[in-house]
Amino acid sequence: MEPLLKAMNDGTLQRIYDKYELWNDEQKRLTEVAQNWPPAAETQASRWANFHYYVWLLLIASWTTIKLACLSMPLAILIGLLVAVGRLYGPRWLGIPLEAYVEFLRGTPLLLQLFVIYYVLPRFTGITIPEFWAGVLGLAINYSAYEAENYRAGLLAILPRGQMEAALSLGMSTRTALRRIIVPQAMRIVIPPVTNDFIALFKDTSVCTMISVVELTGMYPQTIQRPSAADA
């Protein structure tokens, strides 16, 4: 602060501000701020008096993170399962667009997909999605591609492979055989990779900060800049 005090005392700072028409009465307070810097020990200690306030803000942000993960993951699993079943047991023509869906989502960044959902779609459709639900939708769509591959591998890993034919020979429809025989076995097989994906999704909720979702990662810089409850 010594250079600032020197510039204030010899008028250099005021001449610079006057040149760009920025000098006003508020600038005169710079002298007082410079003379009182660094803050007194009491000011630093007062931050601890508001410790509970910052903890409460972080708890709220943590709850937002948990909601993002717990709402988007079941939706991702549902979409991924439908995509996997469609690729393996659906009409042949359906396999190509579903494969393109998976490869496109796995090959593009999550951040780009969030931007498209939150900024681009409202511009062209006129439908505005709240930032929280845009985050849920973006995470669910992105991870549905990974879940589709998990479930496709799980469905292909079911042995013996003649279970579908056996079910059809007993009079079951393909939908009933999938619901009662094939998919329950695949669900058990894919538990480890799905759990890993949930952990990865939980960490990827931090990307939602870029579309103004105030979750745990986004709250940290705000607690540094936010005035305390006592100052508010």
Protein backbone atom coordinates (compact mmCIF):
# COMPACT_ATOMS: atom_id res chain seq x y z
CA MET A 1 0.00 0.00 0.00
CA GLU A 2 3.00 2.35 0.29
CA PRO A 3 3.06 3.12 -3.49
CA LEU A 4 -0.65 3.94 -3.32
CA LEU A 5 -0.13 6.32 -0.39
CA LYS A 6 2.76 7.99 -2.17
CA ALA A 7 0.69 8.46 -5.33
CA MET A 8 -2.19 9.85 -3.28
CA ASN A 9 0.02 12.30 -1.38
CA ASP A 10 1.84 13.75 -4.39
CA GLY A 11 -1.34 13.94 -6.51
CA THR A 12 -0.19 11.41 -9.14
CA LEU A 13 -3.19 9.19 -8.63
CA GLN A 14 -5.66 12.04 -8.95
CA ARG A 15 -4.01 13.27 -12.17
CA ILE A 16 -4.30 9.79 -13.69
CA TYR A 17 -7.96 9.51 -12.71
CA ASP A 18 -8.71 13.03 -13.94
CA LYS A 19 -7.21 12.16 -17.31
CA TYR A 20 -9.89 9.51 -17.83
CA GLU A 21 -12.59 11.44 -15.94
CA LEU A 22 -12.78 8.83 -13.21
CA TRP A 23 -11.97 10.93 -10.15
CA ASN A 24 -14.82 11.48 -7.72
CA ASP A 25 -15.45 11.71 -4.01
CA GLU A 26 -15.35 7.95 -3.66
CA GLN A 27 -11.72 7.88 -4.73
CA LYS A 28 -10.77 10.01 -1.74
CA ARG A 29 -11.56 7.03 0.48
CA LEU A 30 -8.56 5.23 -0.99
CA THR A 31 -6.30 7.13 1.39
CA GLU A 32 -8.22 5.86 4.40
CA VAL A 33 -8.21 2.30 3.08
CA ALA A 34 -4.49 2.40 2.34
CA GLN A 35 -3.65 3.78 5.77
CA ASN A 36 -5.66 1.07 7.51
CA TRP A 37 -4.15 -1.81 5.54
CA PRO A 38 -3.59 -4.61 6.46
CA PRO A 39 -6.81 -5.16 8.42
CA ALA A 40 -6.61 -5.31 12.15
CA ALA A 41 -6.39 -8.67 13.87
CA GLU A 42 -9.93 -8.20 15.16
CA THR A 43 -11.20 -8.00 11.57
CA GLN A 44 -9.52 -11.26 10.66
CA ALA A 45 -10.79 -12.91 13.82
CA SER A 46 -14.33 -11.73 13.08
CA ARG A 47 -14.42 -14.13 10.14
CA TRP A 48 -14.51 -17.01 12.60
CA ALA A 49 -17.57 -15.46 14.21
CA ASN A 50 -19.40 -16.11 10.92
CA PHE A 51 -18.03 -19.63 10.51
CA HIS A 52 -21.49 -21.18 10.99
CA TYR A 53 -22.84 -18.92 8.22
CA TYR A 54 -20.31 -20.24 5.69
CA VAL A 55 -20.86 -23.82 6.83
CA TRP A 56 -24.59 -23.40 6.23
CA LEU A 57 -23.96 -22.09 2.71
CA LEU A 58 -21.70 -25.05 1.94
CA LEU A 59 -24.30 -27.49 3.29
CA ILE A 60 -26.95 -26.00 1.00
CA ALA A 61 -24.58 -26.30 -1.95
CA SER A 62 -23.76 -29.89 -0.96
CA TRP A 63 -27.46 -30.72 -0.98
CA THR A 64 -27.71 -29.27 -4.49
CA THR A 65 -24.82 -31.50 -5.58
CA ILE A 66 -26.51 -34.56 -4.10
CA LYS A 67 -29.80 -33.74 -5.80
CA LEU A 68 -28.08 -33.29 -9.16
CA ALA A 69 -26.43 -36.68 -8.91
CA CYS A 70 -29.37 -38.61 -7.47
CA LEU A 71 -31.89 -37.23 -9.97
CA SER A 72 -29.77 -37.53 -13.09
CA MET A 73 -28.34 -41.01 -12.52
CA PRO A 74 -31.67 -42.94 -12.49
CA LEU A 75 -32.73 -41.07 -15.62
CA ALA A 76 -29.41 -41.94 -17.27
CA ILE A 77 -29.87 -45.61 -16.35
CA LEU A 78 -33.40 -45.67 -17.77
CA ILE A 79 -32.39 -44.04 -21.06
CA GLY A 80 -29.26 -46.19 -21.32
CA LEU A 81 -31.23 -49.39 -20.75
CA LEU A 82 -33.75 -48.47 -23.43
CA VAL A 83 -30.97 -47.65 -25.88
CA ALA A 84 -29.17 -50.93 -25.17
CA VAL A 85 -32.34 -53.00 -25.56
CA GLY A 86 -33.23 -51.13 -28.73
CA ARG A 87 -29.83 -51.83 -30.28
CA LEU A 88 -29.90 -55.54 -29.46
CA TYR A 89 -33.56 -56.49 -29.73
CA GLY A 90 -35.17 -53.67 -31.68
CA PRO A 91 -35.69 -53.39 -35.44
CA ARG A 92 -32.53 -53.44 -37.51
CA TRP A 93 -33.09 -49.90 -38.80
CA LEU A 94 -33.18 -48.60 -35.22
CA GLY A 95 -29.65 -49.75 -34.47
CA ILE A 96 -27.93 -47.12 -36.63
CA PRO A 97 -29.44 -43.97 -35.00
CA LEU A 98 -29.02 -45.46 -31.52
CA GLU A 99 -25.37 -46.24 -32.22
CA ALA A 100 -24.90 -42.68 -33.52
CA TYR A 101 -26.57 -41.36 -30.34
CA VAL A 102 -24.12 -43.27 -28.15
CA GLU A 103 -21.01 -42.37 -30.11
CA PHE A 104 -21.94 -38.70 -30.41
CA LEU A 105 -22.56 -38.26 -26.69
CA ARG A 106 -19.44 -40.16 -25.71
CA GLY A 107 -17.37 -38.18 -28.20
CA THR A 108 -18.42 -34.65 -27.16
CA PRO A 109 -17.67 -32.86 -23.87
CA LEU A 110 -20.28 -32.68 -21.13
CA LEU A 111 -19.76 -28.92 -20.92
CA LEU A 112 -20.68 -28.49 -24.59
CA GLN A 113 -23.85 -30.54 -24.11
CA LEU A 114 -24.85 -28.43 -21.11
CA PHE A 115 -24.33 -25.25 -23.14
CA VAL A 116 -26.52 -26.59 -25.92
CA ILE A 117 -29.32 -27.54 -23.51
CA TYR A 118 -29.21 -24.34 -21.46
CA TYR A 119 -28.34 -21.70 -24.07
CA VAL A 120 -28.94 -23.01 -27.59
CA LEU A 121 -32.23 -24.89 -27.25
CA PRO A 122 -34.14 -21.97 -25.64
CA ARG A 123 -32.96 -19.73 -28.47
CA PHE A 124 -34.38 -21.98 -31.18
CA THR A 125 -37.35 -23.53 -29.38
CA GLY A 126 -38.40 -20.73 -27.05
CA ILE A 127 -38.51 -23.19 -24.13
CA THR A 128 -36.45 -21.98 -21.20
CA ILE A 129 -35.17 -24.69 -18.86
CA PRO A 130 -34.21 -23.66 -15.30
CA GLU A 131 -30.50 -24.05 -14.68
CA PHE A 132 -30.92 -26.85 -12.13
CA TRP A 133 -33.07 -28.99 -14.40
CA ALA A 134 -30.84 -28.20 -17.35
CA GLY A 135 -27.98 -29.62 -15.29
CA VAL A 136 -29.98 -32.74 -14.43
CA LEU A 137 -30.97 -33.23 -18.07
CA GLY A 138 -27.44 -32.65 -19.36
CA LEU A 139 -25.87 -35.09 -16.92
CA ALA A 140 -28.57 -37.69 -17.58
CA ILE A 141 -28.21 -37.49 -21.36
CA ASN A 142 -24.42 -37.56 -21.25
CA TYR A 143 -24.21 -40.56 -18.93
CA SER A 144 -27.03 -42.41 -20.67
CA ALA A 145 -24.56 -43.15 -23.48
CA TYR A 146 -22.15 -44.79 -21.03
CA GLU A 147 -24.96 -46.69 -19.33
CA ALA A 148 -26.16 -47.91 -22.73
CA GLU A 149 -22.77 -49.52 -23.33
CA ASN A 150 -22.74 -51.01 -19.83
CA TYR A 151 -26.15 -52.60 -20.30
CA ARG A 152 -25.37 -53.74 -23.82
CA ALA A 153 -22.31 -55.56 -22.47
CA GLY A 154 -24.41 -56.97 -19.63
CA LEU A 155 -27.09 -58.24 -22.00
CA LEU A 156 -24.48 -59.86 -24.25
CA ALA A 157 -22.82 -61.50 -21.23
CA ILE A 158 -25.93 -63.46 -20.21
CA LEU A 159 -25.35 -67.20 -20.62
CA PRO A 160 -26.65 -69.46 -21.99
CA ARG A 161 -27.59 -67.38 -25.02
CA GLY A 162 -30.63 -69.51 -25.74
CA GLN A 163 -32.65 -68.09 -22.86
CA MET A 164 -34.54 -65.71 -25.14
CA GLU A 165 -35.43 -68.53 -27.53
CA ALA A 166 -36.53 -70.70 -24.61
CA ALA A 167 -38.75 -67.94 -23.28
CA LEU A 168 -40.31 -67.37 -26.69
CA SER A 169 -40.93 -71.10 -27.06
CA LEU A 170 -42.87 -71.05 -23.78
CA GLY A 171 -45.23 -68.46 -25.20
CA MET A 172 -43.69 -65.29 -23.76
CA SER A 173 -43.48 -62.18 -25.87
CA THR A 174 -40.11 -60.54 -26.43
CA ARG A 175 -41.07 -57.69 -24.08
CA THR A 176 -42.09 -60.10 -21.31
CA ALA A 177 -38.94 -62.18 -21.73
CA LEU A 178 -36.79 -59.07 -21.48
CA ARG A 179 -38.61 -57.81 -18.40
CA ARG A 180 -38.71 -61.08 -16.49
CA ILE A 181 -35.64 -63.03 -17.62
CA ILE A 182 -32.99 -61.10 -19.55
CA VAL A 183 -32.88 -57.60 -18.03
CA PRO A 184 -32.89 -58.74 -14.32
CA GLN A 185 -29.78 -60.82 -15.00
CA ALA A 186 -28.10 -57.93 -16.81
CA MET A 187 -28.87 -55.58 -13.93
CA ARG A 188 -26.86 -57.76 -11.57
CA ILE A 189 -23.91 -57.99 -13.95
CA VAL A 190 -23.58 -54.25 -14.52
CA ILE A 191 -23.70 -53.15 -10.86
CA PRO A 192 -19.90 -52.52 -10.61
CA PRO A 193 -19.55 -50.35 -13.76
CA VAL A 194 -22.77 -48.47 -13.01
CA THR A 195 -21.48 -47.71 -9.50
CA ASN A 196 -18.24 -46.37 -10.99
CA ASP A 197 -20.23 -44.19 -13.37
CA PHE A 198 -22.29 -42.81 -10.50
CA ILE A 199 -19.11 -41.77 -8.70
CA ALA A 200 -17.85 -40.11 -11.88
CA LEU A 201 -21.21 -38.36 -12.38
CA PHE A 202 -21.13 -37.12 -8.78
CA LYS A 203 -17.81 -35.44 -9.50
CA ASP A 204 -18.96 -34.12 -12.86
CA THR A 205 -21.74 -32.13 -11.18
CA SER A 206 -19.08 -29.44 -10.73
CA VAL A 207 -19.36 -28.70 -14.48
CA CYS A 208 -22.91 -27.45 -13.86
CA THR A 209 -21.36 -24.38 -12.26
CA MET A 210 -20.81 -23.10 -15.82
CA ILE A 211 -24.58 -22.79 -16.33
CA SER A 212 -25.12 -20.95 -13.01
CA VAL A 213 -26.01 -23.96 -10.85
CA VAL A 214 -24.66 -23.08 -7.41
CA GLU A 215 -23.47 -26.48 -6.22
CA LEU A 216 -20.57 -27.24 -3.89
CA THR A 217 -17.75 -26.32 -6.27
CA GLY A 218 -19.45 -23.09 -7.30
CA MET A 219 -20.11 -22.06 -3.71
CA TYR A 220 -16.45 -22.02 -2.65
CA PRO A 221 -15.44 -18.86 -4.57
CA GLN A 222 -18.72 -17.22 -3.58
CA THR A 223 -18.01 -17.71 0.13
CA ILE A 224 -14.74 -15.83 -0.37
CA GLN A 225 -16.42 -12.86 -2.06
CA ARG A 226 -19.75 -12.94 -0.24
CA PRO A 227 -20.17 -10.50 2.69
CA SER A 228 -20.76 -12.12 6.04
CA ALA A 229 -24.16 -12.26 7.69
CA ALA A 230 -23.02 -9.63 10.16
CA ASP A 231 -22.02 -7.26 7.37
CA ALA A 232 -25.16 -7.86 5.29
